[in-house]
Amino acid sequence: MDEKKLFIFIFCILLFSFSSCCTRSGIHNYGNGAYDVRENLGKLGDEQTQSAVTSTELKNEIDRSLDEVGSLEQTITDGARDLEEFKAVLRRIRKRGKYGAGSKNKTD
């Protein structure tokens, strides 16, 4: 009985070792895939760095644009204020013209 158990045990060990050898032969070149992955990870890191730089440049451009918008809004507000002053000056000139405040020549 012991011989039978020993024989089955050795047979199982041999069967297991042969089956593991067969599966290892299917994955004989696993190092190449690892190198490809490492290379792609390096490329990915470079692209992430470039993306971060581009993102920073875009943020700076947006900030500058917002500053320019504020400046333009201020210019528009100042221009509207100037227009009101010009209208007031024109009204005063027209009032003087109606009341004959000065003489008009066609050569002026």
C-alpha atoms as a PDB file:
ATOM      1  CA  MET A   1       0.000   0.000   0.000  1.00  0.00           C
ATOM      2  CA  ASP A   2       2.859   2.345   0.798  1.00  0.00           C
ATOM      3  CA  GLU A   3       4.427   1.618  -2.568  1.00  0.00           C
ATOM      4  CA  LYS A   4       1.191   2.542  -4.266  1.00  0.00           C
ATOM      5  CA  LYS A   5       0.989   5.892  -2.432  1.00  0.00           C
ATOM      6  CA  LEU A   6       4.642   6.590  -3.176  1.00  0.00           C
ATOM      7  CA  PHE A   7       4.143   5.786  -6.851  1.00  0.00           C
ATOM      8  CA  ILE A   8       1.063   8.070  -7.068  1.00  0.00           C
ATOM      9  CA  PHE A   9       2.924  10.824  -5.213  1.00  0.00           C
ATOM     10  CA  ILE A  10       5.937  10.655  -7.541  1.00  0.00           C
ATOM     11  CA  PHE A  11       3.631  10.470 -10.550  1.00  0.00           C
ATOM     12  CA  CYS A  12       1.786  13.618  -9.385  1.00  0.00           C
ATOM     13  CA  ILE A  13       5.080  15.461  -8.830  1.00  0.00           C
ATOM     14  CA  LEU A  14       6.300  14.514 -12.309  1.00  0.00           C
ATOM     15  CA  LEU A  15       2.985  15.460 -13.870  1.00  0.00           C
ATOM     16  CA  PHE A  16       3.014  18.804 -12.063  1.00  0.00           C
ATOM     17  CA  SER A  17       6.623  19.574 -13.018  1.00  0.00           C
ATOM     18  CA  PHE A  18       6.040  18.692 -16.695  1.00  0.00           C
ATOM     19  CA  SER A  19       2.888  20.761 -16.856  1.00  0.00           C
ATOM     20  CA  SER A  20       4.644  23.758 -15.319  1.00  0.00           C
ATOM     21  CA  CYS A  21       7.459  23.416 -17.867  1.00  0.00           C
ATOM     22  CA  CYS A  22       4.917  23.536 -20.652  1.00  0.00           C
ATOM     23  CA  THR A  23       3.316  26.704 -19.356  1.00  0.00           C
ATOM     24  CA  ARG A  24       6.702  28.388 -18.912  1.00  0.00           C
ATOM     25  CA  SER A  25       7.596  27.738 -22.520  1.00  0.00           C
ATOM     26  CA  GLY A  26       4.611  29.807 -23.627  1.00  0.00           C
ATOM     27  CA  ILE A  27       5.948  32.834 -21.762  1.00  0.00           C
ATOM     28  CA  HIS A  28       9.584  32.530 -22.768  1.00  0.00           C
ATOM     29  CA  ASN A  29       9.995  36.122 -23.983  1.00  0.00           C
ATOM     30  CA  TYR A  30       8.359  38.130 -21.228  1.00  0.00           C
ATOM     31  CA  GLY A  31      11.336  40.534 -20.942  1.00  0.00           C
ATOM     32  CA  ASN A  32      10.584  42.217 -24.275  1.00  0.00           C
ATOM     33  CA  GLY A  33       7.129  43.230 -23.133  1.00  0.00           C
ATOM     34  CA  ALA A  34       8.556  44.753 -19.967  1.00  0.00           C
ATOM     35  CA  TYR A  35      10.998  46.854 -21.999  1.00  0.00           C
ATOM     36  CA  ASP A  36       8.162  48.066 -24.215  1.00  0.00           C
ATOM     37  CA  VAL A  37       6.137  49.014 -21.161  1.00  0.00           C
ATOM     38  CA  ARG A  38       9.099  50.880 -19.643  1.00  0.00           C
ATOM     39  CA  GLU A  39       9.668  52.739 -22.901  1.00  0.00           C
ATOM     40  CA  ASN A  40       6.005  53.685 -23.136  1.00  0.00           C
ATOM     41  CA  LEU A  41       6.013  54.824 -19.506  1.00  0.00           C
ATOM     42  CA  GLY A  42       8.942  57.107 -20.322  1.00  0.00           C
ATOM     43  CA  LYS A  43       7.061  58.545 -23.288  1.00  0.00           C
ATOM     44  CA  LEU A  44       3.984  58.998 -21.128  1.00  0.00           C
ATOM     45  CA  GLY A  45       6.022  60.875 -18.523  1.00  0.00           C
ATOM     46  CA  ASP A  46       7.434  63.187 -21.207  1.00  0.00           C
ATOM     47  CA  GLU A  47       3.972  63.840 -22.615  1.00  0.00           C
ATOM     48  CA  GLN A  48       2.595  64.554 -19.146  1.00  0.00           C
ATOM     49  CA  THR A  49       5.386  67.066 -18.589  1.00  0.00           C
ATOM     50  CA  GLN A  50       4.651  68.714 -21.925  1.00  0.00           C
ATOM     51  CA  SER A  51       0.946  68.761 -21.061  1.00  0.00           C
ATOM     52  CA  ALA A  52       1.665  70.438 -17.724  1.00  0.00           C
ATOM     53  CA  VAL A  53       3.808  73.084 -19.459  1.00  0.00           C
ATOM     54  CA  THR A  54       1.083  73.700 -22.042  1.00  0.00           C
ATOM     55  CA  SER A  55      -1.520  73.927 -19.290  1.00  0.00           C
ATOM     56  CA  THR A  56       0.567  76.523 -17.452  1.00  0.00           C
ATOM     57  CA  GLU A  57       1.021  78.535 -20.646  1.00  0.00           C
ATOM     58  CA  LEU A  58      -2.722  78.436 -21.295  1.00  0.00           C
ATOM     59  CA  LYS A  59      -3.468  79.551 -17.746  1.00  0.00           C
ATOM     60  CA  ASN A  60      -1.073  82.482 -18.115  1.00  0.00           C
ATOM     61  CA  GLU A  61      -2.651  83.422 -21.454  1.00  0.00           C
ATOM     62  CA  ILE A  62      -6.136  83.300 -19.919  1.00  0.00           C
ATOM     63  CA  ASP A  63      -4.978  85.472 -17.002  1.00  0.00           C
ATOM     64  CA  ARG A  64      -3.504  88.016 -19.427  1.00  0.00           C
ATOM     65  CA  SER A  65      -6.729  87.992 -21.439  1.00  0.00           C
ATOM     66  CA  LEU A  66      -8.772  88.623 -18.300  1.00  0.00           C
ATOM     67  CA  ASP A  67      -6.507  91.557 -17.431  1.00  0.00           C
ATOM     68  CA  GLU A  68      -6.977  92.954 -20.934  1.00  0.00           C
ATOM     69  CA  VAL A  69     -10.750  92.558 -20.626  1.00  0.00           C
ATOM     70  CA  GLY A  70     -10.659  94.558 -17.394  1.00  0.00           C
ATOM     71  CA  SER A  71      -8.578  97.228 -19.106  1.00  0.00           C
ATOM     72  CA  LEU A  72     -10.984  97.354 -22.051  1.00  0.00           C
ATOM     73  CA  GLU A  73     -13.978  97.642 -19.728  1.00  0.00           C
ATOM     74  CA  GLN A  74     -12.265 100.555 -17.967  1.00  0.00           C
ATOM     75  CA  THR A  75     -11.537 102.200 -21.334  1.00  0.00           C
ATOM     76  CA  ILE A  76     -15.177 101.797 -22.383  1.00  0.00           C
ATOM     77  CA  THR A  77     -16.372 103.271 -19.091  1.00  0.00           C
ATOM     78  CA  ASP A  78     -13.956 106.196 -19.447  1.00  0.00           C
ATOM     79  CA  GLY A  79     -15.063 106.677 -23.060  1.00  0.00           C
ATOM     80  CA  ALA A  80     -18.717 106.789 -22.024  1.00  0.00           C
ATOM     81  CA  ARG A  81     -17.856 109.383 -19.378  1.00  0.00           C
ATOM     82  CA  ASP A  82     -15.966 111.424 -22.000  1.00  0.00           C
ATOM     83  CA  LEU A  83     -18.956 111.223 -24.344  1.00  0.00           C
ATOM     84  CA  GLU A  84     -21.194 112.653 -21.641  1.00  0.00           C
ATOM     85  CA  GLU A  85     -18.748 115.522 -21.143  1.00  0.00           C
ATOM     86  CA  PHE A  86     -18.602 116.161 -24.904  1.00  0.00           C
ATOM     87  CA  LYS A  87     -22.404 116.200 -25.081  1.00  0.00           C
ATOM     88  CA  ALA A  88     -22.531 118.745 -22.262  1.00  0.00           C
ATOM     89  CA  VAL A  89     -19.973 120.949 -24.049  1.00  0.00           C
ATOM     90  CA  LEU A  90     -21.956 120.721 -27.292  1.00  0.00           C
ATOM     91  CA  ARG A  91     -25.169 121.668 -25.456  1.00  0.00           C
ATOM     92  CA  ARG A  92     -23.473 124.732 -23.980  1.00  0.00           C
ATOM     93  CA  ILE A  93     -22.117 125.723 -27.397  1.00  0.00           C
ATOM     94  CA  ARG A  94     -25.567 125.308 -28.956  1.00  0.00           C
ATOM     95  CA  LYS A  95     -27.132 127.358 -26.161  1.00  0.00           C
ATOM     96  CA  ARG A  96     -24.664 130.168 -26.792  1.00  0.00           C
ATOM     97  CA  GLY A  97     -25.386 129.966 -30.498  1.00  0.00           C
ATOM     98  CA  LYS A  98     -29.122 130.278 -29.932  1.00  0.00           C
ATOM     99  CA  TYR A  99     -28.763 133.376 -27.795  1.00  0.00           C
ATOM    100  CA  GLY A 100     -26.290 135.080 -30.142  1.00  0.00           C
ATOM    101  CA  ALA A 101     -23.315 134.911 -27.843  1.00  0.00           C
ATOM    102  CA  GLY A 102     -20.892 135.416 -30.687  1.00  0.00           C
ATOM    103  CA  SER A 103     -20.805 136.345 -34.350  1.00  0.00           C
ATOM    104  CA  LYS A 104     -20.543 133.637 -36.952  1.00  0.00           C
ATOM    105  CA  ASN A 105     -18.676 134.008 -40.194  1.00  0.00           C
ATOM    106  CA  LYS A 106     -18.935 131.481 -42.967  1.00  0.00           C
ATOM    107  CA  THR A 107     -15.153 131.541 -43.243  1.00  0.00           C
ATOM    108  CA  ASP A 108     -14.659 130.188 -39.701  1.00  0.00           C
END
